[in-house]
PDB file of N, CA and C in Angstrom:
ATOM      1  N   MET A   1       0.841  -1.175   0.000  1.00  0.00           N
ATOM      2  CA  MET A   1       0.000   0.000   0.000  1.00  0.00           C
ATOM      3  C   MET A   1       0.887   1.240   0.000  1.00  0.00           C
ATOM      4  N   SER A   2       0.464   2.250  -0.710  1.00  0.00           N
ATOM      5  CA  SER A   2       1.235   3.487  -0.818  1.00  0.00           C
ATOM      6  C   SER A   2       1.166   4.282   0.475  1.00  0.00           C
ATOM      7  N   GLN A   3       2.225   5.007   0.756  1.00  0.00           N
ATOM      8  CA  GLN A   3       2.259   5.877   1.933  1.00  0.00           C
ATOM      9  C   GLN A   3       2.398   7.316   1.487  1.00  0.00           C
ATOM     10  N   PHE A   4       1.696   8.201   2.137  1.00  0.00           N
ATOM     11  CA  PHE A   4       1.789   9.629   1.858  1.00  0.00           C
ATOM     12  C   PHE A   4       2.934  10.215   2.658  1.00  0.00           C
ATOM     13  N   PRO A   5       3.488  11.336   2.192  1.00  0.00           N
ATOM     14  CA  PRO A   5       4.519  12.010   2.971  1.00  0.00           C
ATOM     15  C   PRO A   5       4.014  12.493   4.328  1.00  0.00           C
ATOM     16  N   LYS A   6       2.752  12.863   4.424  1.00  0.00           N
ATOM     17  CA  LYS A   6       2.176  13.233   5.714  1.00  0.00           C
ATOM     18  C   LYS A   6       0.845  12.505   5.852  1.00  0.00           C
ATOM     19  N   PRO A   7       0.420  12.194   7.074  1.00  0.00           N
ATOM     20  CA  PRO A   7      -0.736  11.325   7.274  1.00  0.00           C
ATOM     21  C   PRO A   7      -2.042  11.821   6.660  1.00  0.00           C
ATOM     22  N   ASP A   8      -2.261  13.123   6.586  1.00  0.00           N
ATOM     23  CA  ASP A   8      -3.539  13.631   6.094  1.00  0.00           C
ATOM     24  C   ASP A   8      -3.514  14.015   4.619  1.00  0.00           C
ATOM     25  N   ALA A   9      -2.431  13.771   3.933  1.00  0.00           N
ATOM     26  CA  ALA A   9      -2.339  14.129   2.524  1.00  0.00           C
ATOM     27  C   ALA A   9      -3.413  13.408   1.725  1.00  0.00           C
ATOM     28  N   GLY A  10      -4.021  14.128   0.829  1.00  0.00           N
ATOM     29  CA  GLY A  10      -5.054  13.538  -0.001  1.00  0.00           C
ATOM     30  C   GLY A  10      -6.424  13.533   0.624  1.00  0.00           C
ATOM     31  N   ASN A  11      -6.501  13.875   1.910  1.00  0.00           N
ATOM     32  CA  ASN A  11      -7.785  13.880   2.590  1.00  0.00           C
ATOM     33  C   ASN A  11      -8.507  15.217   2.482  1.00  0.00           C
ATOM     34  N   ASP A  12      -7.868  16.199   1.870  1.00  0.00           N
ATOM     35  CA  ASP A  12      -8.530  17.483   1.644  1.00  0.00           C
ATOM     36  C   ASP A  12      -9.656  17.276   0.649  1.00  0.00           C
ATOM     37  N   SER A  13     -10.690  18.109   0.770  1.00  0.00           N
ATOM     38  CA  SER A  13     -11.808  18.023  -0.151  1.00  0.00           C
ATOM     39  C   SER A  13     -11.353  18.365  -1.565  1.00  0.00           C
ATOM     40  N   ALA A  14     -11.847  17.603  -2.529  1.00  0.00           N
ATOM     41  CA  ALA A  14     -11.526  17.880  -3.929  1.00  0.00           C
ATOM     42  C   ALA A  14     -12.210  19.164  -4.388  1.00  0.00           C
ATOM     43  N   PHE A  15     -13.322  19.501  -3.756  1.00  0.00           N
ATOM     44  CA  PHE A  15     -14.090  20.693  -4.118  1.00  0.00           C
ATOM     45  C   PHE A  15     -14.463  21.450  -2.848  1.00  0.00           C
ATOM     46  N   PRO A  16     -13.491  22.125  -2.231  1.00  0.00           N
ATOM     47  CA  PRO A  16     -13.776  22.806  -0.964  1.00  0.00           C
ATOM     48  C   PRO A  16     -14.718  23.990  -1.155  1.00  0.00           C
ATOM     49  N   LEU A  17     -15.502  24.253  -0.124  1.00  0.00           N
ATOM     50  CA  LEU A  17     -16.351  25.438  -0.122  1.00  0.00           C
ATOM     51  C   LEU A  17     -15.515  26.598   0.405  1.00  0.00           C
ATOM     52  N   LEU A  18     -15.492  27.679  -0.317  1.00  0.00           N
ATOM     53  CA  LEU A  18     -14.693  28.833   0.075  1.00  0.00           C
ATOM     54  C   LEU A  18     -15.444  29.681   1.087  1.00  0.00           C
ATOM     55  N   PRO A  19     -14.748  30.211   2.073  1.00  0.00           N
ATOM     56  CA  PRO A  19     -15.402  31.097   3.034  1.00  0.00           C
ATOM     57  C   PRO A  19     -16.057  32.264   2.297  1.00  0.00           C
ATOM     58  N   GLY A  20     -17.251  32.589   2.701  1.00  0.00           N
ATOM     59  CA  GLY A  20     -17.957  33.682   2.063  1.00  0.00           C
ATOM     60  C   GLY A  20     -18.826  33.255   0.895  1.00  0.00           C
ATOM     61  N   ALA A  21     -18.712  31.973   0.487  1.00  0.00           N
ATOM     62  CA  ALA A  21     -19.570  31.475  -0.594  1.00  0.00           C
ATOM     63  C   ALA A  21     -21.002  31.368  -0.073  1.00  0.00           C
ATOM     64  N   PRO A  22     -21.985  31.503  -0.941  1.00  0.00           N
ATOM     65  CA  PRO A  22     -23.372  31.414  -0.499  1.00  0.00           C
ATOM     66  C   PRO A  22     -23.647  30.120   0.260  1.00  0.00           C
ATOM     67  N   GLY A  23     -24.267  30.233   1.421  1.00  0.00           N
ATOM     68  CA  GLY A  23     -24.617  29.070   2.226  1.00  0.00           C
ATOM     69  C   GLY A  23     -23.501  28.532   3.090  1.00  0.00           C
ATOM     70  N   VAL A  24     -22.322  29.135   3.033  1.00  0.00           N
ATOM     71  CA  VAL A  24     -21.185  28.658   3.817  1.00  0.00           C
ATOM     72  C   VAL A  24     -21.083  29.468   5.097  1.00  0.00           C
ATOM     73  N   THR A  25     -21.154  28.776   6.214  1.00  0.00           N
ATOM     74  CA  THR A  25     -20.965  29.411   7.513  1.00  0.00           C
ATOM     75  C   THR A  25     -19.814  28.715   8.215  1.00  0.00           C
ATOM     76  N   SER A  26     -19.438  29.209   9.375  1.00  0.00           N
ATOM     77  CA  SER A  26     -18.310  28.612  10.087  1.00  0.00           C
ATOM     78  C   SER A  26     -18.618  27.191  10.541  1.00  0.00           C
ATOM     79  N   ASP A  27     -19.893  26.819  10.639  1.00  0.00           N
ATOM     80  CA  ASP A  27     -20.224  25.468  11.073  1.00  0.00           C
ATOM     81  C   ASP A  27     -20.721  24.586   9.920  1.00  0.00           C
ATOM     82  N   THR A  28     -20.507  25.039   8.672  1.00  0.00           N
ATOM     83  CA  THR A  28     -20.906  24.244   7.521  1.00  0.00           C
ATOM     84  C   THR A  28     -20.034  22.994   7.433  1.00  0.00           C
ATOM     85  N   GLU A  29     -20.684  21.850   7.341  1.00  0.00           N
ATOM     86  CA  GLU A  29     -19.944  20.598   7.212  1.00  0.00           C
ATOM     87  C   GLU A  29     -19.924  20.195   5.742  1.00  0.00           C
ATOM     88  N   VAL A  30     -18.737  19.949   5.231  1.00  0.00           N
ATOM     89  CA  VAL A  30     -18.581  19.631   3.820  1.00  0.00           C
ATOM     90  C   VAL A  30     -18.328  18.136   3.685  1.00  0.00           C
ATOM     91  N   ARG A  31     -19.100  17.507   2.842  1.00  0.00           N
ATOM     92  CA  ARG A  31     -18.902  16.091   2.532  1.00  0.00           C
ATOM     93  C   ARG A  31     -18.690  15.975   1.030  1.00  0.00           C
ATOM     94  N   GLY A  32     -17.982  14.987   0.637  1.00  0.00           N
ATOM     95  CA  GLY A  32     -17.741  14.771  -0.782  1.00  0.00           C
ATOM     96  C   GLY A  32     -16.453  14.006  -0.970  1.00  0.00           C
ATOM     97  N   LEU A  33     -16.016  13.941  -2.202  1.00  0.00           N
ATOM     98  CA  LEU A  33     -14.795  13.213  -2.506  1.00  0.00           C
ATOM     99  C   LEU A  33     -13.568  13.943  -2.008  1.00  0.00           C
ATOM    100  N   THR A  34     -12.612  13.171  -1.518  1.00  0.00           N
ATOM    101  CA  THR A  34     -11.314  13.739  -1.186  1.00  0.00           C
ATOM    102  C   THR A  34     -10.515  13.846  -2.481  1.00  0.00           C
ATOM    103  N   LYS A  35      -9.409  14.553  -2.426  1.00  0.00           N
ATOM    104  CA  LYS A  35      -8.545  14.643  -3.606  1.00  0.00           C
ATOM    105  C   LYS A  35      -8.078  13.255  -4.029  1.00  0.00           C
ATOM    106  N   ARG A  36      -7.726  12.425  -3.056  1.00  0.00           N
ATOM    107  CA  ARG A  36      -7.247  11.074  -3.362  1.00  0.00           C
ATOM    108  C   ARG A  36      -8.331  10.277  -4.083  1.00  0.00           C
ATOM    109  N   GLU A  37      -9.557  10.343  -3.569  1.00  0.00           N
ATOM    110  CA  GLU A  37     -10.666   9.621  -4.202  1.00  0.00           C
ATOM    111  C   GLU A  37     -10.956  10.161  -5.600  1.00  0.00           C
ATOM    112  N   TYR A  38     -10.939  11.471  -5.732  1.00  0.00           N
ATOM    113  CA  TYR A  38     -11.227  12.103  -7.018  1.00  0.00           C
ATOM    114  C   TYR A  38     -10.193  11.698  -8.071  1.00  0.00           C
ATOM    115  N   PHE A  39      -8.913  11.768  -7.698  1.00  0.00           N
ATOM    116  CA  PHE A  39      -7.862  11.367  -8.633  1.00  0.00           C
ATOM    117  C   PHE A  39      -8.000   9.886  -8.996  1.00  0.00           C
ATOM    118  N   ALA A  40      -8.251   9.044  -7.988  1.00  0.00           N
ATOM    119  CA  ALA A  40      -8.352   7.602  -8.225  1.00  0.00           C
ATOM    120  C   ALA A  40      -9.514   7.261  -9.155  1.00  0.00           C
ATOM    121  N   VAL A  41     -10.639   7.948  -8.999  1.00  0.00           N
ATOM    122  CA  VAL A  41     -11.792   7.695  -9.874  1.00  0.00           C
ATOM    123  C   VAL A  41     -11.425   7.946 -11.330  1.00  0.00           C
ATOM    124  N   HIS A  42     -10.796   9.090 -11.583  1.00  0.00           N
ATOM    125  CA  HIS A  42     -10.455   9.421 -12.967  1.00  0.00           C
ATOM    126  C   HIS A  42      -9.338   8.528 -13.510  1.00  0.00           C
ATOM    127  N   LEU A  43      -8.396   8.174 -12.673  1.00  0.00           N
ATOM    128  CA  LEU A  43      -7.351   7.253 -13.112  1.00  0.00           C
ATOM    129  C   LEU A  43      -7.927   5.871 -13.379  1.00  0.00           C
ATOM    130  N   PHE A  44      -8.892   5.457 -12.569  1.00  0.00           N
ATOM    131  CA  PHE A  44      -9.530   4.154 -12.777  1.00  0.00           C
ATOM    132  C   PHE A  44     -10.251   4.123 -14.121  1.00  0.00           C
ATOM    133  N   GLU A  45     -10.922   5.202 -14.466  1.00  0.00           N
ATOM    134  CA  GLU A  45     -11.592   5.278 -15.774  1.00  0.00           C
ATOM    135  C   GLU A  45     -10.593   5.042 -16.904  1.00  0.00           C
ATOM    136  N   ALA A  46      -9.446   5.694 -16.804  1.00  0.00           N
ATOM    137  CA  ALA A  46      -8.423   5.548 -17.841  1.00  0.00           C
ATOM    138  C   ALA A  46      -7.827   4.141 -17.843  1.00  0.00           C
ATOM    139  N   VAL A  47      -7.595   3.608 -16.661  1.00  0.00           N
ATOM    140  CA  VAL A  47      -7.002   2.276 -16.548  1.00  0.00           C
ATOM    141  C   VAL A  47      -7.945   1.229 -17.136  1.00  0.00           C
ATOM    142  N   VAL A  48      -9.214   1.321 -16.831  1.00  0.00           N
ATOM    143  CA  VAL A  48     -10.182   0.358 -17.358  1.00  0.00           C
ATOM    144  C   VAL A  48     -10.216   0.426 -18.887  1.00  0.00           C
ATOM    145  N   ALA A  49     -10.114   1.629 -19.414  1.00  0.00           N
ATOM    146  CA  ALA A  49     -10.177   1.799 -20.862  1.00  0.00           C
ATOM    147  C   ALA A  49      -8.894   1.351 -21.560  1.00  0.00           C
ATOM    148  N   LYS A  50      -7.752   1.464 -20.892  1.00  0.00           N
ATOM    149  CA  LYS A  50      -6.473   1.263 -21.581  1.00  0.00           C
ATOM    150  C   LYS A  50      -5.721  -0.018 -21.245  1.00  0.00           C
ATOM    151  N   LEU A  51      -5.836  -0.516 -20.021  1.00  0.00           N
ATOM    152  CA  LEU A  51      -5.028  -1.683 -19.650  1.00  0.00           C
ATOM    153  C   LEU A  51      -5.565  -2.963 -20.279  1.00  0.00           C
ATOM    154  N   SER A  52      -4.710  -3.913 -20.387  1.00  0.00           N
ATOM    155  CA  SER A  52      -5.011  -5.202 -21.013  1.00  0.00           C
ATOM    156  C   SER A  52      -6.231  -5.871 -20.384  1.00  0.00           C
ATOM    157  N   VAL A  53      -6.944  -6.595 -21.209  1.00  0.00           N
ATOM    158  CA  VAL A  53      -8.086  -7.364 -20.707  1.00  0.00           C
ATOM    159  C   VAL A  53      -7.616  -8.522 -19.836  1.00  0.00           C
ATOM    160  N   ASN A  54      -6.322  -8.815 -19.858  1.00  0.00           N
ATOM    161  CA  ASN A  54      -5.772  -9.885 -19.019  1.00  0.00           C
ATOM    162  C   ASN A  54      -5.628  -9.474 -17.564  1.00  0.00           C
ATOM    163  N   CYS A  55      -5.729  -8.173 -17.285  1.00  0.00           N
ATOM    164  CA  CYS A  55      -5.665  -7.688 -15.908  1.00  0.00           C
ATOM    165  C   CYS A  55      -7.031  -7.852 -15.250  1.00  0.00           C
ATOM    166  N   THR A  56      -7.031  -8.200 -13.986  1.00  0.00           N
ATOM    167  CA  THR A  56      -8.306  -8.283 -13.275  1.00  0.00           C
ATOM    168  C   THR A  56      -8.773  -6.874 -12.934  1.00  0.00           C
ATOM    169  N   LEU A  57     -10.044  -6.747 -12.665  1.00  0.00           N
ATOM    170  CA  LEU A  57     -10.589  -5.458 -12.268  1.00  0.00           C
ATOM    171  C   LEU A  57      -9.936  -4.979 -10.972  1.00  0.00           C
ATOM    172  N   GLN A  58      -9.641  -5.908 -10.073  1.00  0.00           N
ATOM    173  CA  GLN A  58      -8.971  -5.557  -8.816  1.00  0.00           C
ATOM    174  C   GLN A  58      -7.566  -5.014  -9.096  1.00  0.00           C
ATOM    175  N   ASP A  59      -6.843  -5.619 -10.024  1.00  0.00           N
ATOM    176  CA  ASP A  59      -5.514  -5.124 -10.389  1.00  0.00           C
ATOM    177  C   ASP A  59      -5.606  -3.695 -10.927  1.00  0.00           C
ATOM    178  N   LYS A  60      -6.616  -3.453 -11.750  1.00  0.00           N
ATOM    179  CA  LYS A  60      -6.806  -2.123 -12.316  1.00  0.00           C
ATOM    180  C   LYS A  60      -7.144  -1.115 -11.224  1.00  0.00           C
ATOM    181  N   ALA A  61      -7.979  -1.507 -10.273  1.00  0.00           N
ATOM    182  CA  ALA A  61      -8.330  -0.619  -9.163  1.00  0.00           C
ATOM    183  C   ALA A  61      -7.098  -0.318  -8.313  1.00  0.00           C
ATOM    184  N   ASN A  62      -6.308  -1.343  -8.027  1.00  0.00           N
ATOM    185  CA  ASN A  62      -5.084  -1.141  -7.239  1.00  0.00           C
ATOM    186  C   ASN A  62      -4.129  -0.195  -7.950  1.00  0.00           C
ATOM    187  N   TYR A  63      -3.979  -0.371  -9.250  1.00  0.00           N
ATOM    188  CA  TYR A  63      -3.098   0.496 -10.028  1.00  0.00           C
ATOM    189  C   TYR A  63      -3.588   1.942  -9.975  1.00  0.00           C
ATOM    190  N   ALA A  64      -4.893   2.155 -10.103  1.00  0.00           N
ATOM    191  CA  ALA A  64      -5.454   3.508 -10.078  1.00  0.00           C
ATOM    192  C   ALA A  64      -5.191   4.190  -8.737  1.00  0.00           C
ATOM    193  N   VAL A  65      -5.347   3.451  -7.645  1.00  0.00           N
ATOM    194  CA  VAL A  65      -5.109   4.026  -6.310  1.00  0.00           C
ATOM    195  C   VAL A  65      -3.623   4.337  -6.127  1.00  0.00           C
ATOM    196  N   GLU A  66      -2.756   3.431  -6.570  1.00  0.00           N
ATOM    197  CA  GLU A  66      -1.318   3.680  -6.465  1.00  0.00           C
ATOM    198  C   GLU A  66      -0.911   4.893  -7.308  1.00  0.00           C
ATOM    199  N   ALA A  67      -1.504   5.036  -8.487  1.00  0.00           N
ATOM    200  CA  ALA A  67      -1.205   6.188  -9.345  1.00  0.00           C
ATOM    201  C   ALA A  67      -1.718   7.474  -8.706  1.00  0.00           C
ATOM    202  N   ALA A  68      -2.882   7.425  -8.084  1.00  0.00           N
ATOM    203  CA  ALA A  68      -3.413   8.604  -7.391  1.00  0.00           C
ATOM    204  C   ALA A  68      -2.490   9.011  -6.248  1.00  0.00           C
ATOM    205  N   ASP A  69      -2.009   8.039  -5.490  1.00  0.00           N
ATOM    206  CA  ASP A  69      -1.073   8.332  -4.403  1.00  0.00           C
ATOM    207  C   ASP A  69       0.218   8.939  -4.937  1.00  0.00           C
ATOM    208  N   ALA A  70       0.716   8.416  -6.057  1.00  0.00           N
ATOM    209  CA  ALA A  70       1.938   8.961  -6.661  1.00  0.00           C
ATOM    210  C   ALA A  70       1.717  10.391  -7.130  1.00  0.00           C
ATOM    211  N   LEU A  71       0.553  10.662  -7.696  1.00  0.00           N
ATOM    212  CA  LEU A  71       0.228  12.026  -8.125  1.00  0.00           C
ATOM    213  C   LEU A  71       0.185  12.971  -6.938  1.00  0.00           C
ATOM    214  N   LEU A  72      -0.433  12.560  -5.850  1.00  0.00           N
ATOM    215  CA  LEU A  72      -0.489  13.408  -4.649  1.00  0.00           C
ATOM    216  C   LEU A  72       0.911  13.672  -4.097  1.00  0.00           C
ATOM    217  N   ARG A  73       1.767  12.631  -4.072  1.00  0.00           N
ATOM    218  CA  ARG A  73       3.142  12.830  -3.588  1.00  0.00           C
ATOM    219  C   ARG A  73       3.885  13.825  -4.463  1.00  0.00           C
ATOM    220  N   ALA A  74       3.716  13.721  -5.777  1.00  0.00           N
ATOM    221  CA  ALA A  74       4.389  14.629  -6.694  1.00  0.00           C
ATOM    222  C   ALA A  74       3.884  16.063  -6.520  1.00  0.00           C
ATOM    223  N   LEU A  75       2.594  16.208  -6.319  1.00  0.00           N
ATOM    224  CA  LEU A  75       2.040  17.543  -6.116  1.00  0.00           C
ATOM    225  C   LEU A  75       2.528  18.158  -4.812  1.00  0.00           C
ATOM    226  N   GLN A  76       2.624  17.325  -3.770  1.00  0.00           N
ATOM    227  CA  GLN A  76       3.132  17.813  -2.479  1.00  0.00           C
ATOM    228  C   GLN A  76       4.606  18.190  -2.582  1.00  0.00           C
ATOM    229  N   ALA A  77       5.382  17.398  -3.280  1.00  0.00           N
ATOM    230  CA  ALA A  77       6.801  17.705  -3.449  1.00  0.00           C
ATOM    231  C   ALA A  77       6.971  19.003  -4.202  1.00  0.00           C
ATOM    232  N   ASP A  78       6.165  19.206  -5.238  1.00  0.00           N
ATOM    233  CA  ASP A  78       6.209  20.431  -6.008  1.00  0.00           C
ATOM    234  C   ASP A  78       5.818  21.640  -5.159  1.00  0.00           C
ATOM    235  N   ALA A  79       4.777  21.463  -4.347  1.00  0.00           N
ATOM    236  CA  ALA A  79       4.338  22.541  -3.462  1.00  0.00           C
ATOM    237  C   ALA A  79       5.417  22.857  -2.431  1.00  0.00           C
ATOM    238  N   GLY A  80       6.124  21.826  -1.946  1.00  0.00           N
ATOM    239  CA  GLY A  80       7.195  22.034  -0.991  1.00  0.00           C
ATOM    240  C   GLY A  80       8.381  22.758  -1.596  1.00  0.00           C
ATOM    241  N   ASN A  81       8.626  22.538  -2.877  1.00  0.00           N
ATOM    242  CA  ASN A  81       9.724  23.217  -3.571  1.00  0.00           C
ATOM    243  C   ASN A  81       9.407  24.682  -3.834  1.00  0.00           C
ATOM    244  N   ARG A  82       8.124  25.018  -3.873  1.00  0.00           N
ATOM    245  CA  ARG A  82       7.726  26.395  -4.146  1.00  0.00           C
ATOM    246  C   ARG A  82       7.732  27.265  -2.897  1.00  0.00           C
ATOM    247  N   SER A  83       7.676  26.629  -1.706  1.00  0.00           N
ATOM    248  CA  SER A  83       7.619  27.460  -0.494  1.00  0.00           C
ATOM    249  C   SER A  83       8.970  27.823   0.030  1.00  0.00           C
TER     250      SER A  83
END
């Protein structure tokens, strides 16, 4: 299983509500896909379409999650280089 550089990486909302947006208050609870889930969903779509039919669906799902984790690590590394 992939490990993130920090424990909460990828757990941020993929579509956060910005303060001051209509209907957003300090106690607004946001539910939805995390960045990790959002990336994995789209990677899974591509993997299902492109990988060999000899791969199991579970193999394709595992690959999509590992690719999503790698993308998050790369984005975090890039963000760390910019600060």
